[in-house]
PDB file of N, CA and C in Angstrom:
ATOM      1  N   MET A   1       0.800  -1.199   0.000  1.00  0.00           N
ATOM      2  CA  MET A   1       0.000   0.000   0.000  1.00  0.00           C
ATOM      3  C   MET A   1       0.843   1.264   0.000  1.00  0.00           C
ATOM      4  N   LEU A   2       1.974   1.231   0.623  1.00  0.00           N
ATOM      5  CA  LEU A   2       2.811   2.409   0.722  1.00  0.00           C
ATOM      6  C   LEU A   2       3.279   2.904  -0.652  1.00  0.00           C
ATOM      7  N   PRO A   3       3.727   2.000  -1.569  1.00  0.00           N
ATOM      8  CA  PRO A   3       4.151   2.506  -2.879  1.00  0.00           C
ATOM      9  C   PRO A   3       3.010   3.156  -3.654  1.00  0.00           C
ATOM     10  N   GLU A   4       1.785   2.675  -3.514  1.00  0.00           N
ATOM     11  CA  GLU A   4       0.665   3.274  -4.236  1.00  0.00           C
ATOM     12  C   GLU A   4       0.445   4.710  -3.785  1.00  0.00           C
ATOM     13  N   ARG A   5       0.558   4.952  -2.487  1.00  0.00           N
ATOM     14  CA  ARG A   5       0.387   6.314  -1.992  1.00  0.00           C
ATOM     15  C   ARG A   5       1.484   7.231  -2.533  1.00  0.00           C
ATOM     16  N   ARG A   6       2.687   6.692  -2.645  1.00  0.00           N
ATOM     17  CA  ARG A   6       3.787   7.488  -3.183  1.00  0.00           C
ATOM     18  C   ARG A   6       3.474   7.893  -4.620  1.00  0.00           C
ATOM     19  N   PHE A   7       2.948   6.963  -5.421  1.00  0.00           N
ATOM     20  CA  PHE A   7       2.593   7.287  -6.797  1.00  0.00           C
ATOM     21  C   PHE A   7       1.435   8.264  -6.844  1.00  0.00           C
ATOM     22  N   ASP A   8       0.480   8.159  -5.903  1.00  0.00           N
ATOM     23  CA  ASP A   8      -0.607   9.124  -5.855  1.00  0.00           C
ATOM     24  C   ASP A   8      -0.072  10.524  -5.578  1.00  0.00           C
ATOM     25  N   ASN A   9       0.905  10.627  -4.673  1.00  0.00           N
ATOM     26  CA  ASN A   9       1.500  11.925  -4.381  1.00  0.00           C
ATOM     27  C   ASN A   9       2.242  12.474  -5.591  1.00  0.00           C
ATOM     28  N   ILE A  10       2.940  11.610  -6.303  1.00  0.00           N
ATOM     29  CA  ILE A  10       3.655  12.040  -7.511  1.00  0.00           C
ATOM     30  C   ILE A  10       2.660  12.507  -8.555  1.00  0.00           C
ATOM     31  N   GLY A  11       1.572  11.760  -8.720  1.00  0.00           N
ATOM     32  CA  GLY A  11       0.545  12.162  -9.686  1.00  0.00           C
ATOM     33  C   GLY A  11      -0.065  13.502  -9.333  1.00  0.00           C
ATOM     34  N   ALA A  12      -0.317  13.721  -8.042  1.00  0.00           N
ATOM     35  CA  ALA A  12      -0.884  15.000  -7.606  1.00  0.00           C
ATOM     36  C   ALA A  12       0.119  16.127  -7.846  1.00  0.00           C
ATOM     37  N   THR A  13       1.388  15.849  -7.603  1.00  0.00           N
ATOM     38  CA  THR A  13       2.423  16.863  -7.828  1.00  0.00           C
ATOM     39  C   THR A  13       2.520  17.206  -9.310  1.00  0.00           C
ATOM     40  N   VAL A  14       2.502  16.208 -10.157  1.00  0.00           N
ATOM     41  CA  VAL A  14       2.559  16.439 -11.607  1.00  0.00           C
ATOM     42  C   VAL A  14       1.341  17.228 -12.050  1.00  0.00           C
ATOM     43  N   GLU A  15       0.187  16.897 -11.503  1.00  0.00           N
ATOM     44  CA  GLU A  15      -1.039  17.611 -11.869  1.00  0.00           C
ATOM     45  C   GLU A  15      -0.941  19.078 -11.458  1.00  0.00           C
ATOM     46  N   ARG A  16      -0.396  19.350 -10.271  1.00  0.00           N
ATOM     47  CA  ARG A  16      -0.219  20.742  -9.834  1.00  0.00           C
ATOM     48  C   ARG A  16       0.759  21.483 -10.746  1.00  0.00           C
ATOM     49  N   ILE A  17       1.798  20.811 -11.180  1.00  0.00           N
ATOM     50  CA  ILE A  17       2.774  21.431 -12.080  1.00  0.00           C
ATOM     51  C   ILE A  17       2.125  21.768 -13.413  1.00  0.00           C
ATOM     52  N   ILE A  18       1.332  20.851 -13.942  1.00  0.00           N
ATOM     53  CA  ILE A  18       0.655  21.085 -15.223  1.00  0.00           C
ATOM     54  C   ILE A  18      -0.316  22.251 -15.104  1.00  0.00           C
ATOM     55  N   ILE A  19      -1.059  22.310 -14.003  1.00  0.00           N
ATOM     56  CA  ILE A  19      -1.991  23.428 -13.796  1.00  0.00           C
ATOM     57  C   ILE A  19      -1.227  24.737 -13.687  1.00  0.00           C
ATOM     58  N   SER A  20      -0.097  24.729 -12.999  1.00  0.00           N
ATOM     59  CA  SER A  20       0.719  25.931 -12.855  1.00  0.00           C
ATOM     60  C   SER A  20       1.251  26.396 -14.206  1.00  0.00           C
ATOM     61  N   ILE A  21       1.689  25.467 -15.030  1.00  0.00           N
ATOM     62  CA  ILE A  21       2.197  25.811 -16.363  1.00  0.00           C
ATOM     63  C   ILE A  21       1.084  26.402 -17.211  1.00  0.00           C
ATOM     64  N   SER A  22      -0.116  25.813 -17.162  1.00  0.00           N
ATOM     65  CA  SER A  22      -1.209  26.342 -17.966  1.00  0.00           C
ATOM     66  C   SER A  22      -1.616  27.731 -17.479  1.00  0.00           C
ATOM     67  N   ASN A  23      -1.549  27.966 -16.163  1.00  0.00           N
ATOM     68  CA  ASN A  23      -1.857  29.303 -15.645  1.00  0.00           C
ATOM     69  C   ASN A  23      -0.831  30.320 -16.121  1.00  0.00           C
ATOM     70  N   GLU A  24       0.446  29.947 -16.127  1.00  0.00           N
ATOM     71  CA  GLU A  24       1.490  30.846 -16.614  1.00  0.00           C
ATOM     72  C   GLU A  24       1.320  31.129 -18.103  1.00  0.00           C
ATOM     73  N   ARG A  25       0.919  30.135 -18.849  1.00  0.00           N
ATOM     74  CA  ARG A  25       0.694  30.322 -20.288  1.00  0.00           C
ATOM     75  C   ARG A  25      -0.428  31.321 -20.519  1.00  0.00           C
ATOM     76  N   GLU A  26      -1.496  31.227 -19.721  1.00  0.00           N
ATOM     77  CA  GLU A  26      -2.599  32.179 -19.843  1.00  0.00           C
ATOM     78  C   GLU A  26      -2.135  33.590 -19.510  1.00  0.00           C
ATOM     79  N   LYS A  27      -1.281  33.734 -18.502  1.00  0.00           N
ATOM     80  CA  LYS A  27      -0.748  35.044 -18.154  1.00  0.00           C
ATOM     81  C   LYS A  27       0.097  35.598 -19.296  1.00  0.00           C
ATOM     82  N   MET A  28       0.891  34.745 -19.931  1.00  0.00           N
ATOM     83  CA  MET A  28       1.750  35.193 -21.023  1.00  0.00           C
ATOM     84  C   MET A  28       0.941  35.631 -22.228  1.00  0.00           C
ATOM     85  N   GLU A  29      -0.211  35.022 -22.434  1.00  0.00           N
ATOM     86  CA  GLU A  29      -1.060  35.404 -23.561  1.00  0.00           C
ATOM     87  C   GLU A  29      -1.678  36.773 -23.355  1.00  0.00           C
ATOM     88  N   GLN A  30      -1.711  37.247 -22.123  1.00  0.00           N
ATOM     89  CA  GLN A  30      -2.310  38.534 -21.814  1.00  0.00           C
ATOM     90  C   GLN A  30      -1.245  39.617 -21.627  1.00  0.00           C
ATOM     91  N   ILE A  31      -0.121  39.479 -22.282  1.00  0.00           N
ATOM     92  CA  ILE A  31       0.969  40.446 -22.159  1.00  0.00           C
ATOM     93  C   ILE A  31       0.525  41.785 -22.739  1.00  0.00           C
ATOM     94  N   GLN A  32       0.833  42.838 -22.023  1.00  0.00           N
ATOM     95  CA  GLN A  32       0.445  44.168 -22.454  1.00  0.00           C
ATOM     96  C   GLN A  32       1.622  44.875 -23.104  1.00  0.00           C
ATOM     97  N   LYS A  33       1.319  45.740 -24.065  1.00  0.00           N
ATOM     98  CA  LYS A  33       2.343  46.507 -24.740  1.00  0.00           C
ATOM     99  C   LYS A  33       2.790  47.658 -23.837  1.00  0.00           C
ATOM    100  N   VAL A  34       4.115  47.883 -23.756  1.00  0.00           N
ATOM    101  CA  VAL A  34       4.675  48.923 -22.901  1.00  0.00           C
ATOM    102  C   VAL A  34       5.496  49.873 -23.759  1.00  0.00           C
ATOM    103  N   THR A  35       5.342  51.161 -23.521  1.00  0.00           N
ATOM    104  CA  THR A  35       6.124  52.175 -24.212  1.00  0.00           C
ATOM    105  C   THR A  35       6.931  52.951 -23.184  1.00  0.00           C
ATOM    106  N   VAL A  36       8.249  52.978 -23.351  1.00  0.00           N
ATOM    107  CA  VAL A  36       9.119  53.725 -22.438  1.00  0.00           C
ATOM    108  C   VAL A  36       9.189  55.158 -22.934  1.00  0.00           C
ATOM    109  N   ILE A  37       8.848  56.077 -22.076  1.00  0.00           N
ATOM    110  CA  ILE A  37       8.818  57.489 -22.460  1.00  0.00           C
ATOM    111  C   ILE A  37      10.118  58.187 -22.084  1.00  0.00           C
ATOM    112  N   ASP A  38      10.635  57.914 -20.898  1.00  0.00           N
ATOM    113  CA  ASP A  38      11.834  58.604 -20.432  1.00  0.00           C
ATOM    114  C   ASP A  38      12.554  57.737 -19.402  1.00  0.00           C
ATOM    115  N   PHE A  39      13.853  57.904 -19.287  1.00  0.00           N
ATOM    116  CA  PHE A  39      14.619  57.259 -18.227  1.00  0.00           C
ATOM    117  C   PHE A  39      15.750  58.199 -17.818  1.00  0.00           C
ATOM    118  N   GLU A  40      16.162  58.093 -16.576  1.00  0.00           N
ATOM    119  CA  GLU A  40      17.189  58.966 -16.027  1.00  0.00           C
ATOM    120  C   GLU A  40      18.561  58.294 -16.129  1.00  0.00           C
ATOM    121  N   MET A  41      19.530  59.017 -16.726  1.00  0.00           N
ATOM    122  CA  MET A  41      20.902  58.536 -16.775  1.00  0.00           C
ATOM    123  C   MET A  41      21.805  59.754 -16.873  1.00  0.00           C
ATOM    124  N   SER A  42      22.809  59.816 -16.016  1.00  0.00           N
ATOM    125  CA  SER A  42      23.705  60.972 -16.034  1.00  0.00           C
ATOM    126  C   SER A  42      24.554  60.956 -17.311  1.00  0.00           C
ATOM    127  N   PHE A  43      25.085  62.134 -17.635  1.00  0.00           N
ATOM    128  CA  PHE A  43      25.860  62.281 -18.860  1.00  0.00           C
ATOM    129  C   PHE A  43      27.070  61.357 -18.875  1.00  0.00           C
ATOM    130  N   TRP A  44      27.843  61.313 -17.778  1.00  0.00           N
ATOM    131  CA  TRP A  44      29.061  60.512 -17.751  1.00  0.00           C
ATOM    132  C   TRP A  44      28.753  59.023 -17.747  1.00  0.00           C
ATOM    133  N   ARG A  45      27.638  58.659 -17.163  1.00  0.00           N
ATOM    134  CA  ARG A  45      27.244  57.259 -17.213  1.00  0.00           C
ATOM    135  C   ARG A  45      26.890  56.853 -18.649  1.00  0.00           C
ATOM    136  N   MET A  46      26.241  57.771 -19.369  1.00  0.00           N
ATOM    137  CA  MET A  46      25.919  57.520 -20.772  1.00  0.00           C
ATOM    138  C   MET A  46      27.192  57.425 -21.600  1.00  0.00           C
ATOM    139  N   VAL A  47      28.169  58.298 -21.333  1.00  0.00           N
ATOM    140  CA  VAL A  47      29.453  58.242 -22.050  1.00  0.00           C
ATOM    141  C   VAL A  47      30.137  56.911 -21.793  1.00  0.00           C
ATOM    142  N   THR A  48      30.151  56.467 -20.535  1.00  0.00           N
ATOM    143  CA  THR A  48      30.762  55.184 -20.196  1.00  0.00           C
ATOM    144  C   THR A  48      30.066  54.039 -20.911  1.00  0.00           C
ATOM    145  N   PHE A  49      28.745  54.083 -20.929  1.00  0.00           N
ATOM    146  CA  PHE A  49      27.976  53.051 -21.618  1.00  0.00           C
ATOM    147  C   PHE A  49      28.311  53.005 -23.105  1.00  0.00           C
ATOM    148  N   MET A  50      28.412  54.171 -23.733  1.00  0.00           N
ATOM    149  CA  MET A  50      28.688  54.208 -25.173  1.00  0.00           C
ATOM    150  C   MET A  50      30.116  53.761 -25.488  1.00  0.00           C
ATOM    151  N   VAL A  51      31.074  54.055 -24.611  1.00  0.00           N
ATOM    152  CA  VAL A  51      32.451  53.585 -24.818  1.00  0.00           C
ATOM    153  C   VAL A  51      32.503  52.063 -24.707  1.00  0.00           C
ATOM    154  N   LYS A  52      31.819  51.505 -23.708  1.00  0.00           N
ATOM    155  CA  LYS A  52      31.765  50.046 -23.580  1.00  0.00           C
ATOM    156  C   LYS A  52      31.092  49.424 -24.798  1.00  0.00           C
ATOM    157  N   TRP A  53      30.058  50.068 -25.289  1.00  0.00           N
ATOM    158  CA  TRP A  53      29.334  49.595 -26.468  1.00  0.00           C
ATOM    159  C   TRP A  53      30.263  49.584 -27.685  1.00  0.00           C
ATOM    160  N   ALA A  54      31.064  50.634 -27.824  1.00  0.00           N
ATOM    161  CA  ALA A  54      31.996  50.716 -28.947  1.00  0.00           C
ATOM    162  C   ALA A  54      33.051  49.608 -28.868  1.00  0.00           C
ATOM    163  N   PHE A  55      33.577  49.358 -27.665  1.00  0.00           N
ATOM    164  CA  PHE A  55      34.557  48.280 -27.508  1.00  0.00           C
ATOM    165  C   PHE A  55      33.930  46.910 -27.756  1.00  0.00           C
ATOM    166  N   ALA A  56      32.683  46.734 -27.388  1.00  0.00           N
ATOM    167  CA  ALA A  56      31.998  45.460 -27.620  1.00  0.00           C
ATOM    168  C   ALA A  56      31.718  45.244 -29.102  1.00  0.00           C
ATOM    169  N   ALA A  57      31.625  46.317 -29.869  1.00  0.00           N
ATOM    170  CA  ALA A  57      31.345  46.201 -31.296  1.00  0.00           C
ATOM    171  C   ALA A  57      32.568  45.752 -32.090  1.00  0.00           C
ATOM    172  N   ILE A  58      33.748  45.928 -31.557  1.00  0.00           N
ATOM    173  CA  ILE A  58      34.973  45.566 -32.281  1.00  0.00           C
ATOM    174  C   ILE A  58      35.035  44.071 -32.579  1.00  0.00           C
ATOM    175  N   PRO A  59      34.872  43.171 -31.605  1.00  0.00           N
ATOM    176  CA  PRO A  59      34.892  41.739 -31.946  1.00  0.00           C
ATOM    177  C   PRO A  59      33.762  41.339 -32.899  1.00  0.00           C
ATOM    178  N   ALA A  60      32.606  41.977 -32.743  1.00  0.00           N
ATOM    179  CA  ALA A  60      31.498  41.673 -33.649  1.00  0.00           C
ATOM    180  C   ALA A  60      31.851  42.073 -35.077  1.00  0.00           C
ATOM    181  N   ALA A  61      32.490  43.219 -35.244  1.00  0.00           N
ATOM    182  CA  ALA A  61      32.892  43.667 -36.576  1.00  0.00           C
ATOM    183  C   ALA A  61      33.943  42.731 -37.169  1.00  0.00           C
ATOM    184  N   ILE A  62      34.875  42.273 -36.345  1.00  0.00           N
ATOM    185  CA  ILE A  62      35.904  41.338 -36.826  1.00  0.00           C
ATOM    186  C   ILE A  62      35.253  40.041 -37.305  1.00  0.00           C
ATOM    187  N   ILE A  63      34.307  39.526 -36.529  1.00  0.00           N
ATOM    188  CA  ILE A  63      33.612  38.292 -36.925  1.00  0.00           C
ATOM    189  C   ILE A  63      32.857  38.494 -38.230  1.00  0.00           C
ATOM    190  N   LEU A  64      32.188  39.634 -38.373  1.00  0.00           N
ATOM    191  CA  LEU A  64      31.453  39.910 -39.615  1.00  0.00           C
ATOM    192  C   LEU A  64      32.399  40.019 -40.815  1.00  0.00           C
ATOM    193  N   VAL A  65      33.547  40.672 -40.639  1.00  0.00           N
ATOM    194  CA  VAL A  65      34.509  40.806 -41.738  1.00  0.00           C
ATOM    195  C   VAL A  65      35.052  39.437 -42.138  1.00  0.00           C
ATOM    196  N   ILE A  66      35.399  38.608 -41.167  1.00  0.00           N
ATOM    197  CA  ILE A  66      35.907  37.266 -41.474  1.00  0.00           C
ATOM    198  C   ILE A  66      34.843  36.447 -42.190  1.00  0.00           C
ATOM    199  N   THR A  67      33.602  36.497 -41.700  1.00  0.00           N
ATOM    200  CA  THR A  67      32.512  35.756 -42.347  1.00  0.00           C
ATOM    201  C   THR A  67      32.302  36.237 -43.778  1.00  0.00           C
ATOM    202  N   TRP A  68      32.258  37.552 -43.976  1.00  0.00           N
ATOM    203  CA  TRP A  68      32.048  38.107 -45.310  1.00  0.00           C
ATOM    204  C   TRP A  68      33.208  37.737 -46.238  1.00  0.00           C
ATOM    205  N   THR A  69      34.432  37.730 -45.717  1.00  0.00           N
ATOM    206  CA  THR A  69      35.592  37.364 -46.530  1.00  0.00           C
ATOM    207  C   THR A  69      35.502  35.906 -46.974  1.00  0.00           C
ATOM    208  N   ILE A  70      35.138  35.020 -46.067  1.00  0.00           N
ATOM    209  CA  ILE A  70      35.011  33.599 -46.416  1.00  0.00           C
ATOM    210  C   ILE A  70      33.923  33.400 -47.456  1.00  0.00           C
ATOM    211  N   ILE A  71      32.764  34.047 -47.255  1.00  0.00           N
ATOM    212  CA  ILE A  71      31.666  33.910 -48.226  1.00  0.00           C
ATOM    213  C   ILE A  71      32.094  34.445 -49.585  1.00  0.00           C
ATOM    214  N   THR A  72      32.763  35.593 -49.595  1.00  0.00           N
ATOM    215  CA  THR A  72      33.214  36.175 -50.860  1.00  0.00           C
ATOM    216  C   THR A  72      34.230  35.271 -51.557  1.00  0.00           C
ATOM    217  N   LEU A  73      35.167  34.699 -50.810  1.00  0.00           N
ATOM    218  CA  LEU A  73      36.168  33.815 -51.409  1.00  0.00           C
ATOM    219  C   LEU A  73      35.524  32.554 -51.973  1.00  0.00           C
ATOM    220  N   VAL A  74      34.566  31.990 -51.246  1.00  0.00           N
ATOM    221  CA  VAL A  74      33.910  30.767 -51.713  1.00  0.00           C
ATOM    222  C   VAL A  74      33.125  31.042 -52.982  1.00  0.00           C
ATOM    223  N   PHE A  75      32.263  32.067 -52.965  1.00  0.00           N
ATOM    224  CA  PHE A  75      31.452  32.339 -54.147  1.00  0.00           C
ATOM    225  C   PHE A  75      32.298  32.893 -55.297  1.00  0.00           C
ATOM    226  N   GLY A  76      33.334  33.659 -54.970  1.00  0.00           N
ATOM    227  CA  GLY A  76      34.235  34.142 -56.022  1.00  0.00           C
ATOM    228  C   GLY A  76      34.959  32.985 -56.694  1.00  0.00           C
ATOM    229  N   GLY A  77      35.365  31.992 -55.920  1.00  0.00           N
ATOM    230  CA  GLY A  77      36.041  30.824 -56.474  1.00  0.00           C
ATOM    231  C   GLY A  77      35.092  29.972 -57.311  1.00  0.00           C
ATOM    232  N   ILE A  78      33.828  29.894 -56.894  1.00  0.00           N
ATOM    233  CA  ILE A  78      32.860  29.100 -57.645  1.00  0.00           C
ATOM    234  C   ILE A  78      32.456  29.796 -58.934  1.00  0.00           C
ATOM    235  N   LEU A  79      32.184  31.095 -58.861  1.00  0.00           N
ATOM    236  CA  LEU A  79      31.666  31.807 -60.023  1.00  0.00           C
ATOM    237  C   LEU A  79      32.747  32.179 -61.040  1.00  0.00           C
ATOM    238  N   PHE A  80      33.943  32.457 -60.592  1.00  0.00           N
ATOM    239  CA  PHE A  80      34.996  32.922 -61.494  1.00  0.00           C
ATOM    240  C   PHE A  80      36.124  31.929 -61.623  1.00  0.00           C
ATOM    241  N   HIS A  81      35.812  30.655 -61.525  1.00  0.00           N
ATOM    242  CA  HIS A  81      36.802  29.615 -61.680  1.00  0.00           C
ATOM    243  C   HIS A  81      37.189  29.506 -63.162  1.00  0.00           C
ATOM    244  N   HIS A  82      38.474  29.410 -63.451  1.00  0.00           N
ATOM    245  CA  HIS A  82      38.926  29.339 -64.858  1.00  0.00           C
ATOM    246  C   HIS A  82      38.983  27.947 -65.351  1.00  0.00           C
TER     247      HIS A  82
END
C-alpha cells in the first residue's frame, strides 16, 4: 500500500505542475504593450555606456569581416573559376 500512496503523491504533484504551467501560459497570452517614455541617466554614465558599447562592437565587426571574406572567397572561387 505504501508505494501506491507514493505514486498518488507524484501524480498529484505532476497535476499541480501542469496546472501551474497552464496558468502561466494564460498570463503570457495577456501580455500588455509597454512604451518607455523617459529614463534617467547621467551624462558621464551615458558616455561610459557608449564607450563600452563601442569596444563590444569591435569583436562583432571582426567576426562579420571574417565571415564576409570567407563567403566572398567561396562564391568568387565558384563563379569565377577558370
